């Protein structure tokens, strides 16, 4: 009778400890990040807004969607109003699962909607064109503490529907909040 009772007790202790470990790990993993591109904010001053949202999909992959808005009504230097929408799939090479940090590769696509705004007045706003970009980025995302992270990446790509071949190179420094 005692060996059966001892075996049952051991099984109960093991099962409770495995449940406790699962709860601890699930609380520790944060699968969402909200980021802003500091490079755009510094370069374009106060008339360029941007933000992105990244969600972990699997152990090594995530999906990032974002927008950028050029507001020429503030400290405007341009006569064109632009709205950019982008989507990026990231593959992280880190050994930590679901952490969304370390080195990554990221193919991306962007749609850019442009409006002419020669007189800088909403009444004279007219649709100009819509262009698309395809590119690839490589970067590194550092965890600064439990919540904050720094993302540095660079990439190259091509505008798709312009009359001439136009390529671009980008460099970004982003600051994000993980939740």
Protein backbone atom coordinates (compact mmCIF):
# COMPACT_ATOMS: atom_id res chain seq x y z
CA UNK A 1 0.00 0.00 0.00
CA UNK A 2 2.80 2.44 0.82
CA UNK A 3 4.53 2.18 -2.64
CA UNK A 4 1.21 3.02 -4.37
CA UNK A 5 0.64 5.99 -2.08
CA UNK A 6 4.21 7.20 -2.59
CA UNK A 7 3.89 6.88 -6.40
CA UNK A 8 0.60 8.82 -6.34
CA UNK A 9 2.16 11.55 -4.22
CA UNK A 10 5.15 11.85 -6.58
CA UNK A 11 2.83 12.09 -9.61
CA UNK A 12 0.76 14.83 -7.96
CA UNK A 13 3.86 16.88 -7.08
CA UNK A 14 5.21 16.58 -10.65
CA UNK A 15 1.88 17.56 -12.23
CA UNK A 16 1.44 20.62 -9.97
CA UNK A 17 5.01 21.79 -10.61
CA UNK A 18 4.55 21.49 -14.40
CA UNK A 19 1.33 23.57 -14.25
CA UNK A 20 3.10 26.21 -12.18
CA UNK A 21 5.94 26.34 -14.70
CA UNK A 22 3.48 26.79 -17.62
CA UNK A 23 1.76 29.68 -15.82
CA UNK A 24 5.11 31.32 -15.10
CA UNK A 25 6.23 31.06 -18.74
CA UNK A 26 2.93 32.31 -20.15
CA UNK A 27 3.06 35.40 -17.91
CA UNK A 28 6.64 36.12 -18.94
CA UNK A 29 6.06 36.07 -22.72
CA UNK A 30 4.94 39.37 -24.25
CA UNK A 31 3.82 38.96 -27.86
CA UNK A 32 2.96 42.56 -28.83
CA UNK A 33 5.14 45.59 -29.57
CA UNK A 34 4.14 49.16 -30.42
CA UNK A 35 6.99 51.15 -32.01
CA UNK A 36 7.87 54.48 -33.51
CA UNK A 37 10.70 55.24 -35.90
CA UNK A 38 13.00 57.75 -34.21
CA UNK A 39 14.92 58.39 -37.45
CA UNK A 40 11.78 59.79 -39.13
CA UNK A 41 10.92 61.94 -36.11
CA UNK A 42 14.42 63.45 -35.95
CA UNK A 43 14.79 63.94 -39.72
CA UNK A 44 11.33 65.28 -40.48
CA UNK A 45 10.91 67.20 -37.21
CA UNK A 46 7.31 67.59 -36.07
CA UNK A 47 5.38 67.13 -39.31
CA UNK A 48 5.95 63.41 -39.86
CA UNK A 49 4.04 60.92 -37.68
CA UNK A 50 4.63 57.17 -37.69
CA UNK A 51 3.82 54.09 -35.65
CA UNK A 52 3.85 50.33 -36.07
CA UNK A 53 2.48 47.26 -34.32
CA UNK A 54 4.36 43.95 -34.23
CA UNK A 55 2.78 40.65 -33.17
CA UNK A 56 4.62 37.40 -32.54
CA UNK A 57 3.18 34.59 -34.71
CA UNK A 58 5.38 31.57 -33.96
CA UNK A 59 8.56 30.89 -32.03
CA UNK A 60 10.74 32.78 -34.52
CA UNK A 61 8.36 34.86 -36.67
CA UNK A 62 6.32 38.01 -36.32
CA UNK A 63 4.17 40.29 -38.44
CA UNK A 64 4.55 44.07 -38.37
CA UNK A 65 2.09 46.63 -39.76
CA UNK A 66 2.64 50.36 -39.69
CA UNK A 67 1.79 53.76 -41.07
CA UNK A 68 3.54 57.06 -41.69
CA UNK A 69 1.84 60.39 -42.30
CA UNK A 70 3.49 63.51 -43.66
CA UNK A 71 1.68 66.59 -42.34
CA UNK A 72 2.62 69.62 -44.43
CA UNK A 73 0.34 71.91 -42.41
CA UNK A 74 2.77 72.01 -39.50
CA UNK A 75 6.36 72.92 -40.22
CA UNK A 76 5.95 72.09 -43.90
CA UNK A 77 8.76 71.87 -46.38
CA UNK A 78 6.93 69.83 -49.00
CA UNK A 79 3.94 70.48 -51.20
CA UNK A 80 2.82 66.85 -51.19
CA UNK A 81 0.78 65.12 -48.51
CA UNK A 82 1.78 61.44 -48.16
CA UNK A 83 0.29 58.46 -46.37
CA UNK A 84 2.35 55.27 -46.18
CA UNK A 85 1.03 51.86 -45.11
CA UNK A 86 3.47 48.99 -44.72
CA UNK A 87 3.52 45.31 -43.83
CA UNK A 88 6.58 43.29 -42.83
CA UNK A 89 7.11 39.63 -42.02
CA UNK A 90 10.08 39.09 -39.70
CA UNK A 91 12.11 35.96 -39.07
CA UNK A 92 14.22 36.09 -35.88
CA UNK A 93 17.32 33.92 -35.60
CA UNK A 94 17.47 34.11 -31.79
CA UNK A 95 17.39 30.96 -29.68
CA UNK A 96 14.88 32.41 -27.23
CA UNK A 97 11.34 31.57 -28.26
CA UNK A 98 8.68 34.28 -28.67
CA UNK A 99 11.03 37.00 -27.47
CA UNK A 100 11.17 39.03 -30.73
CA UNK A 101 14.77 40.10 -30.14
CA UNK A 102 18.08 39.47 -31.81
CA UNK A 103 19.03 39.43 -35.48
CA UNK A 104 16.22 39.22 -38.06
CA UNK A 105 15.48 39.34 -41.79
CA UNK A 106 12.29 41.00 -42.98
CA UNK A 107 10.77 41.21 -46.46
CA UNK A 108 8.42 44.19 -46.63
CA UNK A 109 5.89 45.95 -48.83
CA UNK A 110 4.67 49.55 -48.68
CA UNK A 111 1.84 51.44 -50.35
CA UNK A 112 2.30 55.21 -50.68
CA UNK A 113 -0.64 57.49 -51.45
CA UNK A 114 0.36 61.01 -52.52
CA UNK A 115 -1.74 64.16 -52.83
CA UNK A 116 -0.75 67.45 -54.45
CA UNK A 117 -1.06 70.36 -52.10
CA UNK A 118 0.49 73.34 -53.87
CA UNK A 119 -1.47 75.99 -51.98
CA UNK A 120 -1.29 74.20 -48.62
CA UNK A 121 -5.01 74.42 -48.20
CA UNK A 122 -7.37 71.47 -47.70
CA UNK A 123 -9.76 72.83 -50.35
CA UNK A 124 -7.10 72.45 -53.06
CA UNK A 125 -5.99 68.94 -52.11
CA UNK A 126 -6.02 66.65 -55.18
CA UNK A 127 -5.06 62.99 -55.62
CA UNK A 128 -1.69 62.60 -57.29
CA UNK A 129 -0.63 58.94 -57.42
CA UNK A 130 -0.27 55.65 -55.58
CA UNK A 131 3.05 53.85 -55.62
CA UNK A 132 4.28 50.58 -54.14
CA UNK A 133 7.62 49.48 -52.73
CA UNK A 134 9.02 45.99 -52.17
CA UNK A 135 12.14 45.53 -50.09
CA UNK A 136 14.12 43.49 -47.63
CA UNK A 137 15.47 44.63 -44.27
CA UNK A 138 18.03 43.17 -41.90
CA UNK A 139 18.19 44.34 -38.34
CA UNK A 140 18.75 43.71 -34.69
CA UNK A 141 16.24 44.27 -31.90
CA UNK A 142 17.56 44.73 -28.33
CA UNK A 143 15.54 44.26 -25.18
CA UNK A 144 16.43 47.29 -23.01
CA UNK A 145 14.40 46.05 -20.03
CA UNK A 146 11.22 44.00 -19.51
CA UNK A 147 9.09 46.39 -21.57
CA UNK A 148 11.25 48.68 -23.73
CA UNK A 149 13.30 47.76 -26.79
CA UNK A 150 15.52 49.32 -29.42
CA UNK A 151 15.28 48.25 -33.08
CA UNK A 152 18.00 49.15 -35.60
CA UNK A 153 17.60 48.02 -39.19
CA UNK A 154 18.62 48.81 -42.73
CA UNK A 155 17.37 47.62 -46.06
CA UNK A 156 17.00 48.11 -49.75
CA UNK A 157 14.14 47.87 -52.18
CA UNK A 158 12.52 48.99 -55.40
CA UNK A 159 9.59 51.23 -56.30
CA UNK A 160 7.32 49.13 -58.49
CA UNK A 161 5.07 51.35 -60.58
CA UNK A 162 7.17 54.36 -61.49
CA UNK A 163 8.10 55.16 -65.08
CA UNK A 164 11.79 54.55 -64.41
CA UNK A 165 13.59 52.08 -62.18
CA UNK A 166 14.00 53.66 -58.80
CA UNK A 167 15.68 51.89 -55.90
CA UNK A 168 15.92 52.98 -52.29
CA UNK A 169 18.07 52.34 -49.22
CA UNK A 170 16.72 52.90 -45.73
CA UNK A 171 18.11 53.06 -42.22
CA UNK A 172 15.85 53.10 -39.17
CA UNK A 173 16.22 53.37 -35.41
CA UNK A 174 13.03 52.49 -33.59
CA UNK A 175 11.93 52.58 -29.98
CA UNK A 176 9.23 50.15 -28.87
CA UNK A 177 7.09 49.12 -25.93
CA UNK A 178 6.40 45.41 -25.40
CA UNK A 179 3.18 44.17 -23.84
